Amino acid sequence: MSQLAPPEPPLRVALDDDHRQRFWFRHWLLVWTVLTIIITAWFVSMGPVPAILALVVAKHILVALLAVGLGVDQTHEAQA
């Protein structure tokens, strides 16, 4: 019985080496994630109403950062 192998990933031809740019982008995501958590913790220490509001806003911010980190907002080039 023959088995199908997964397709090979596309070659990165004619693209510049963007390791530095990816590093700084990941660093930027990490910084904003940590800042969001710290600010949320500060609001939680103020009482129940600011805590609820801070958690609701922080959830939206963290989900947005996750979506950006996963590349959901990127447009795909024409695949030929």
Foldseek 3Di string as FASTA:
>chain_A
DDDDDDDDDDDPPPDDDCPVVLVVLVVVLVVVLVVLVVVLVVQVVVDDPSNVVSVVVSVVVNVVSVCVVVPVVDDDDDDD
